[in-house]
Amino acid sequence: MKKCSSSHANSITDLNIFLFNFNIIISETIMSAPAREAIKLMAQNIANPKFKIIDVRTLSERKALSIPNSEHMPLDQLNLQAFNKETTYLIYCRSGVRSMTATNALKQHGINAINMEGGILEWDRLR
């Protein structure tokens, strides 16, 4: 497995490998919920204004399938100032890797975020 030789990834492949390795290291500190539990959490909080579902996938991925009532904020456009510390955010992506990265960034800024394990692939399989 090729590792990044500098602080800037030289290619998309290097960046993906870097993010993958980074996520393995930080995974123990991230609050995650299996998709089955995340579905229950969504149902319990459907009318709760202090609970939001955030999709960090690309626009083309979102157009293909998205979780109802979710908001879109692609990982590469994550704006930490858009998040409220009094709100709980359920973060999802395709399979759980990008959402784990986003969840970690949010948690480091004191924002209550939960990563949905398995992403929309698992959500779609279970619904």
N, C-alpha and C. Protein backbone atom coordinates (compact mmCIF):
# COMPACT_ATOMS: atom_id res chain seq x y z
N MET A 1 0.84 -1.17 0.00
CA MET A 1 0.00 0.00 0.00
C MET A 1 0.89 1.24 0.00
N LYS A 2 0.64 2.14 -0.94
CA LYS A 2 1.44 3.36 -1.08
C LYS A 2 1.01 4.39 -0.04
N LYS A 3 1.96 5.02 0.60
CA LYS A 3 1.65 6.06 1.59
C LYS A 3 1.96 7.43 1.01
N CYS A 4 1.28 8.44 1.50
CA CYS A 4 1.54 9.81 1.07
C CYS A 4 2.90 10.24 1.58
N SER A 5 3.70 10.84 0.69
CA SER A 5 5.04 11.25 1.08
C SER A 5 5.10 12.68 1.59
N SER A 6 4.04 13.43 1.40
CA SER A 6 4.01 14.81 1.88
C SER A 6 2.66 15.09 2.50
N SER A 7 2.50 16.31 3.03
CA SER A 7 1.23 16.66 3.66
C SER A 7 0.13 16.82 2.62
N HIS A 8 0.48 16.96 1.36
CA HIS A 8 -0.51 17.07 0.30
C HIS A 8 -0.49 15.79 -0.53
N ALA A 9 -1.65 15.22 -0.75
CA ALA A 9 -1.73 14.01 -1.57
C ALA A 9 -1.37 14.35 -3.01
N ASN A 10 -0.59 13.50 -3.65
CA ASN A 10 -0.16 13.73 -5.02
C ASN A 10 -1.20 13.29 -6.04
N SER A 11 -2.15 12.50 -5.62
CA SER A 11 -3.19 12.05 -6.54
C SER A 11 -4.41 11.64 -5.74
N ILE A 12 -5.50 11.41 -6.44
CA ILE A 12 -6.73 10.94 -5.79
C ILE A 12 -6.47 9.62 -5.09
N THR A 13 -5.70 8.74 -5.71
CA THR A 13 -5.39 7.44 -5.09
C THR A 13 -4.67 7.64 -3.77
N ASP A 14 -3.67 8.51 -3.77
CA ASP A 14 -2.94 8.78 -2.52
C ASP A 14 -3.87 9.34 -1.46
N LEU A 15 -4.76 10.26 -1.85
CA LEU A 15 -5.69 10.86 -0.91
C LEU A 15 -6.63 9.81 -0.34
N ASN A 16 -7.15 8.94 -1.19
CA ASN A 16 -8.05 7.88 -0.72
C ASN A 16 -7.33 6.95 0.24
N ILE A 17 -6.10 6.58 -0.07
CA ILE A 17 -5.33 5.72 0.83
C ILE A 17 -5.07 6.43 2.15
N PHE A 18 -4.71 7.71 2.08
CA PHE A 18 -4.49 8.49 3.28
C PHE A 18 -5.74 8.52 4.15
N LEU A 19 -6.90 8.84 3.54
CA LEU A 19 -8.15 8.90 4.30
C LEU A 19 -8.49 7.54 4.89
N PHE A 20 -8.27 6.48 4.12
CA PHE A 20 -8.56 5.14 4.62
C PHE A 20 -7.70 4.84 5.84
N ASN A 21 -6.40 5.10 5.75
CA ASN A 21 -5.50 4.85 6.88
C ASN A 21 -5.86 5.74 8.06
N PHE A 22 -6.18 6.98 7.81
CA PHE A 22 -6.57 7.93 8.85
C PHE A 22 -7.81 7.43 9.58
N ASN A 23 -8.79 6.95 8.85
CA ASN A 23 -10.02 6.48 9.46
C ASN A 23 -9.80 5.26 10.34
N ILE A 24 -8.92 4.40 9.96
CA ILE A 24 -8.63 3.24 10.80
C ILE A 24 -8.07 3.71 12.15
N ILE A 25 -7.21 4.70 12.11
CA ILE A 25 -6.59 5.21 13.33
C ILE A 25 -7.61 5.89 14.25
N ILE A 26 -8.52 6.66 13.68
CA ILE A 26 -9.43 7.44 14.51
C ILE A 26 -10.73 6.72 14.83
N SER A 27 -10.97 5.56 14.24
CA SER A 27 -12.27 4.94 14.37
C SER A 27 -12.68 4.67 15.81
N GLU A 28 -11.73 4.46 16.70
CA GLU A 28 -12.06 4.17 18.09
C GLU A 28 -12.63 5.39 18.82
N THR A 29 -12.39 6.59 18.31
CA THR A 29 -12.86 7.79 19.00
C THR A 29 -14.16 8.34 18.42
N ILE A 30 -14.66 7.73 17.37
CA ILE A 30 -15.86 8.24 16.70
C ILE A 30 -17.09 7.52 17.21
N MET A 31 -18.15 8.28 17.48
CA MET A 31 -19.41 7.68 17.86
C MET A 31 -20.10 7.20 16.59
N SER A 32 -20.33 5.90 16.50
CA SER A 32 -20.97 5.31 15.34
C SER A 32 -22.20 4.52 15.76
N ALA A 33 -23.13 4.42 14.81
CA ALA A 33 -24.32 3.62 15.03
C ALA A 33 -24.52 2.72 13.83
N PRO A 34 -24.76 1.43 14.05
CA PRO A 34 -25.09 0.56 12.93
C PRO A 34 -26.33 1.12 12.22
N ALA A 35 -26.44 0.88 10.93
CA ALA A 35 -27.56 1.43 10.15
C ALA A 35 -28.91 1.08 10.77
N ARG A 36 -29.06 -0.12 11.29
CA ARG A 36 -30.34 -0.53 11.91
C ARG A 36 -30.70 0.40 13.07
N GLU A 37 -29.71 0.73 13.90
CA GLU A 37 -29.94 1.64 15.03
C GLU A 37 -30.15 3.07 14.55
N ALA A 38 -29.43 3.46 13.50
CA ALA A 38 -29.59 4.80 12.93
C ALA A 38 -31.01 4.99 12.39
N ILE A 39 -31.56 3.96 11.79
CA ILE A 39 -32.94 4.01 11.28
C ILE A 39 -33.91 4.25 12.43
N LYS A 40 -33.70 3.57 13.54
CA LYS A 40 -34.54 3.78 14.73
C LYS A 40 -34.39 5.20 15.25
N LEU A 41 -33.15 5.68 15.28
CA LEU A 41 -32.86 7.04 15.74
C LEU A 41 -33.57 8.07 14.86
N MET A 42 -33.54 7.85 13.56
CA MET A 42 -34.22 8.76 12.63
C MET A 42 -35.73 8.78 12.90
N ALA A 43 -36.31 7.60 13.08
CA ALA A 43 -37.76 7.51 13.32
C ALA A 43 -38.14 8.19 14.64
N GLN A 44 -37.32 8.02 15.67
CA GLN A 44 -37.60 8.62 16.97
C GLN A 44 -37.47 10.15 16.96
N ASN A 45 -36.70 10.67 16.03
CA ASN A 45 -36.41 12.10 16.01
C ASN A 45 -36.96 12.83 14.79
N ILE A 46 -37.92 12.23 14.12
CA ILE A 46 -38.43 12.81 12.87
C ILE A 46 -38.94 14.24 13.05
N ALA A 47 -39.51 14.56 14.18
CA ALA A 47 -40.04 15.90 14.42
C ALA A 47 -39.14 16.75 15.33
N ASN A 48 -37.98 16.25 15.62
CA ASN A 48 -37.06 16.94 16.53
C ASN A 48 -36.21 17.94 15.75
N PRO A 49 -36.38 19.23 15.98
CA PRO A 49 -35.58 20.22 15.25
C PRO A 49 -34.10 20.22 15.66
N LYS A 50 -33.77 19.53 16.74
CA LYS A 50 -32.39 19.45 17.20
C LYS A 50 -31.71 18.15 16.76
N PHE A 51 -32.26 17.53 15.72
CA PHE A 51 -31.70 16.31 15.13
C PHE A 51 -31.71 16.47 13.62
N LYS A 52 -30.54 16.35 13.01
CA LYS A 52 -30.45 16.51 11.55
C LYS A 52 -29.66 15.36 10.95
N ILE A 53 -30.05 15.02 9.74
CA ILE A 53 -29.38 13.97 8.98
C ILE A 53 -28.58 14.66 7.87
N ILE A 54 -27.30 14.38 7.81
CA ILE A 54 -26.42 15.04 6.84
C ILE A 54 -25.80 14.01 5.90
N ASP A 55 -25.95 14.25 4.60
CA ASP A 55 -25.40 13.43 3.54
C ASP A 55 -24.11 14.09 3.06
N VAL A 56 -22.98 13.40 3.19
CA VAL A 56 -21.69 13.99 2.79
C VAL A 56 -21.19 13.45 1.44
N ARG A 57 -22.07 12.81 0.68
CA ARG A 57 -21.70 12.28 -0.63
C ARG A 57 -21.72 13.38 -1.69
N THR A 58 -21.35 13.03 -2.89
CA THR A 58 -21.39 13.98 -4.01
C THR A 58 -22.83 14.19 -4.44
N LEU A 59 -23.05 15.25 -5.20
CA LEU A 59 -24.38 15.56 -5.70
C LEU A 59 -24.92 14.45 -6.59
N SER A 60 -24.08 13.89 -7.44
CA SER A 60 -24.54 12.82 -8.32
C SER A 60 -24.95 11.58 -7.53
N GLU A 61 -24.24 11.26 -6.46
CA GLU A 61 -24.63 10.14 -5.60
C GLU A 61 -25.97 10.43 -4.94
N ARG A 62 -26.13 11.65 -4.47
CA ARG A 62 -27.37 12.04 -3.78
C ARG A 62 -28.57 11.98 -4.72
N LYS A 63 -28.37 12.39 -5.97
CA LYS A 63 -29.47 12.35 -6.94
C LYS A 63 -29.95 10.93 -7.19
N ALA A 64 -29.06 9.97 -7.08
CA ALA A 64 -29.42 8.57 -7.31
C ALA A 64 -30.28 8.00 -6.18
N LEU A 65 -29.96 8.36 -4.94
CA LEU A 65 -30.68 7.86 -3.77
C LEU A 65 -30.28 8.69 -2.56
N SER A 66 -31.26 9.09 -1.77
CA SER A 66 -30.95 9.81 -0.54
C SER A 66 -31.96 9.46 0.54
N ILE A 67 -31.59 9.69 1.77
CA ILE A 67 -32.47 9.45 2.90
C ILE A 67 -33.42 10.65 3.01
N PRO A 68 -34.72 10.38 3.11
CA PRO A 68 -35.69 11.49 3.22
C PRO A 68 -35.35 12.42 4.39
N ASN A 69 -35.57 13.69 4.18
CA ASN A 69 -35.34 14.74 5.18
C ASN A 69 -33.87 14.99 5.50
N SER A 70 -32.98 14.43 4.70
CA SER A 70 -31.56 14.69 4.94
C SER A 70 -31.14 15.97 4.23
N GLU A 71 -30.08 16.56 4.74
CA GLU A 71 -29.49 17.75 4.14
C GLU A 71 -28.20 17.35 3.45
N HIS A 72 -27.84 18.08 2.43
CA HIS A 72 -26.64 17.74 1.65
C HIS A 72 -25.50 18.70 1.95
N MET A 73 -24.35 18.14 2.34
CA MET A 73 -23.13 18.91 2.52
C MET A 73 -21.96 17.97 2.17
N PRO A 74 -21.53 17.99 0.91
CA PRO A 74 -20.44 17.09 0.50
C PRO A 74 -19.22 17.23 1.41
N LEU A 75 -18.53 16.14 1.62
CA LEU A 75 -17.38 16.13 2.51
C LEU A 75 -16.37 17.21 2.13
N ASP A 76 -16.12 17.39 0.84
CA ASP A 76 -15.13 18.38 0.44
C ASP A 76 -15.61 19.82 0.59
N GLN A 77 -16.87 20.00 1.01
CA GLN A 77 -17.41 21.33 1.26
C GLN A 77 -17.90 21.48 2.70
N LEU A 78 -17.45 20.59 3.56
CA LEU A 78 -17.89 20.60 4.96
C LEU A 78 -17.58 21.94 5.61
N ASN A 79 -18.62 22.61 6.07
CA ASN A 79 -18.50 23.94 6.68
C ASN A 79 -18.85 23.80 8.16
N LEU A 80 -17.84 23.80 8.99
CA LEU A 80 -18.06 23.58 10.43
C LEU A 80 -18.91 24.67 11.06
N GLN A 81 -18.88 25.88 10.51
CA GLN A 81 -19.69 26.97 11.05
C GLN A 81 -21.19 26.75 10.80
N ALA A 82 -21.54 25.85 9.91
CA ALA A 82 -22.94 25.59 9.61
C ALA A 82 -23.58 24.66 10.65
N PHE A 83 -22.78 24.13 11.56
CA PHE A 83 -23.28 23.18 12.55
C PHE A 83 -23.46 23.85 13.90
N ASN A 84 -24.51 23.43 14.61
CA ASN A 84 -24.88 23.98 15.90
C ASN A 84 -24.51 22.97 16.99
N LYS A 85 -23.89 23.41 18.04
CA LYS A 85 -23.47 22.51 19.12
C LYS A 85 -24.65 21.96 19.94
N GLU A 86 -25.83 22.54 19.79
CA GLU A 86 -27.01 22.05 20.52
C GLU A 86 -27.80 21.03 19.70
N THR A 87 -27.34 20.71 18.52
CA THR A 87 -28.03 19.79 17.63
C THR A 87 -27.23 18.50 17.50
N THR A 88 -27.92 17.39 17.33
CA THR A 88 -27.27 16.11 17.06
C THR A 88 -27.37 15.85 15.56
N TYR A 89 -26.25 15.45 14.97
CA TYR A 89 -26.18 15.20 13.53
C TYR A 89 -25.86 13.74 13.26
N LEU A 90 -26.69 13.11 12.45
CA LEU A 90 -26.43 11.76 11.97
C LEU A 90 -25.81 11.92 10.59
N ILE A 91 -24.59 11.46 10.42
CA ILE A 91 -23.82 11.68 9.20
C ILE A 91 -23.76 10.37 8.40
N TYR A 92 -24.05 10.48 7.09
CA TYR A 92 -23.95 9.29 6.26
C TYR A 92 -23.31 9.59 4.91
N CYS A 93 -22.79 8.52 4.31
CA CYS A 93 -22.24 8.58 2.96
C CYS A 93 -22.63 7.28 2.26
N ARG A 94 -21.86 6.84 1.33
CA ARG A 94 -22.20 5.61 0.59
C ARG A 94 -22.01 4.37 1.47
N SER A 95 -20.83 4.27 2.11
CA SER A 95 -20.54 3.05 2.86
C SER A 95 -20.07 3.29 4.29
N GLY A 96 -19.84 4.54 4.67
CA GLY A 96 -19.45 4.85 6.04
C GLY A 96 -18.05 5.41 6.20
N VAL A 97 -17.26 5.45 5.14
CA VAL A 97 -15.88 5.94 5.26
C VAL A 97 -15.84 7.46 5.29
N ARG A 98 -16.46 8.11 4.30
CA ARG A 98 -16.46 9.58 4.28
C ARG A 98 -17.23 10.14 5.47
N SER A 99 -18.31 9.48 5.85
CA SER A 99 -19.07 9.97 7.00
C SER A 99 -18.26 9.85 8.29
N MET A 100 -17.40 8.86 8.37
CA MET A 100 -16.53 8.72 9.53
C MET A 100 -15.56 9.90 9.59
N THR A 101 -15.03 10.28 8.44
CA THR A 101 -14.11 11.43 8.37
C THR A 101 -14.84 12.70 8.81
N ALA A 102 -16.05 12.91 8.29
CA ALA A 102 -16.83 14.10 8.64
C ALA A 102 -17.19 14.09 10.12
N THR A 103 -17.61 12.95 10.63
CA THR A 103 -17.98 12.83 12.04
C THR A 103 -16.79 13.18 12.93
N ASN A 104 -15.62 12.70 12.59
CA ASN A 104 -14.44 13.01 13.38
C ASN A 104 -14.15 14.51 13.38
N ALA A 105 -14.24 15.14 12.21
CA ALA A 105 -13.99 16.59 12.13
C ALA A 105 -14.99 17.35 13.00
N LEU A 106 -16.25 16.95 12.96
CA LEU A 106 -17.28 17.60 13.76
C LEU A 106 -17.03 17.39 15.25
N LYS A 107 -16.71 16.16 15.64
CA LYS A 107 -16.46 15.85 17.05
C LYS A 107 -15.28 16.66 17.59
N GLN A 108 -14.25 16.86 16.76
CA GLN A 108 -13.09 17.64 17.19
C GLN A 108 -13.45 19.09 17.45
N HIS A 109 -14.58 19.56 16.92
CA HIS A 109 -15.04 20.93 17.14
C HIS A 109 -16.21 20.98 18.12
N GLY A 110 -16.39 19.90 18.89
CA GLY A 110 -17.40 19.88 19.94
C GLY A 110 -18.82 19.72 19.46
N ILE A 111 -19.00 19.22 18.24
CA ILE A 111 -20.34 19.04 17.67
C ILE A 111 -20.75 17.59 17.86
N ASN A 112 -21.98 17.39 18.31
CA ASN A 112 -22.50 16.05 18.56
C ASN A 112 -22.86 15.40 17.23
N ALA A 113 -21.99 14.50 16.77
CA ALA A 113 -22.18 13.84 15.48
C ALA A 113 -22.08 12.33 15.64
N ILE A 114 -22.89 11.63 14.87
CA ILE A 114 -22.92 10.17 14.89
C ILE A 114 -22.72 9.68 13.47
N ASN A 115 -21.77 8.79 13.27
CA ASN A 115 -21.52 8.18 11.98
C ASN A 115 -22.47 7.00 11.77
N MET A 116 -23.16 6.95 10.61
CA MET A 116 -24.01 5.80 10.31
C MET A 116 -23.16 4.74 9.61
N GLU A 117 -22.87 3.66 10.33
CA GLU A 117 -22.06 2.57 9.80
C GLU A 117 -22.76 1.92 8.61
N GLY A 118 -22.00 1.65 7.58
CA GLY A 118 -22.55 0.98 6.40
C GLY A 118 -23.16 1.93 5.39
N GLY A 119 -23.34 3.18 5.80
CA GLY A 119 -23.85 4.21 4.90
C GLY A 119 -25.20 3.90 4.27
N ILE A 120 -25.45 4.58 3.16
CA ILE A 120 -26.75 4.45 2.51
C ILE A 120 -26.91 3.06 1.89
N LEU A 121 -25.81 2.39 1.60
CA LEU A 121 -25.92 1.02 1.07
C LEU A 121 -26.62 0.12 2.08
N GLU A 122 -26.21 0.23 3.34
CA GLU A 122 -26.82 -0.60 4.39
C GLU A 122 -28.23 -0.11 4.70
N TRP A 123 -28.44 1.21 4.72
CA TRP A 123 -29.78 1.78 4.96
C TRP A 123 -30.74 1.26 3.89
N ASP A 124 -30.32 1.29 2.63
CA ASP A 124 -31.17 0.84 1.52
C ASP A 124 -31.48 -0.65 1.64
N ARG A 125 -30.52 -1.42 2.06
CA ARG A 125 -30.71 -2.86 2.23
C ARG A 125 -31.72 -3.18 3.33
N LEU A 126 -31.72 -2.36 4.39
CA LEU A 126 -32.58 -2.62 5.55
C LEU A 126 -33.99 -2.06 5.44
N ARG A 127 -34.18 -1.05 4.63
CA ARG A 127 -35.50 -0.39 4.63
C ARG A 127 -36.56 -1.21 3.96
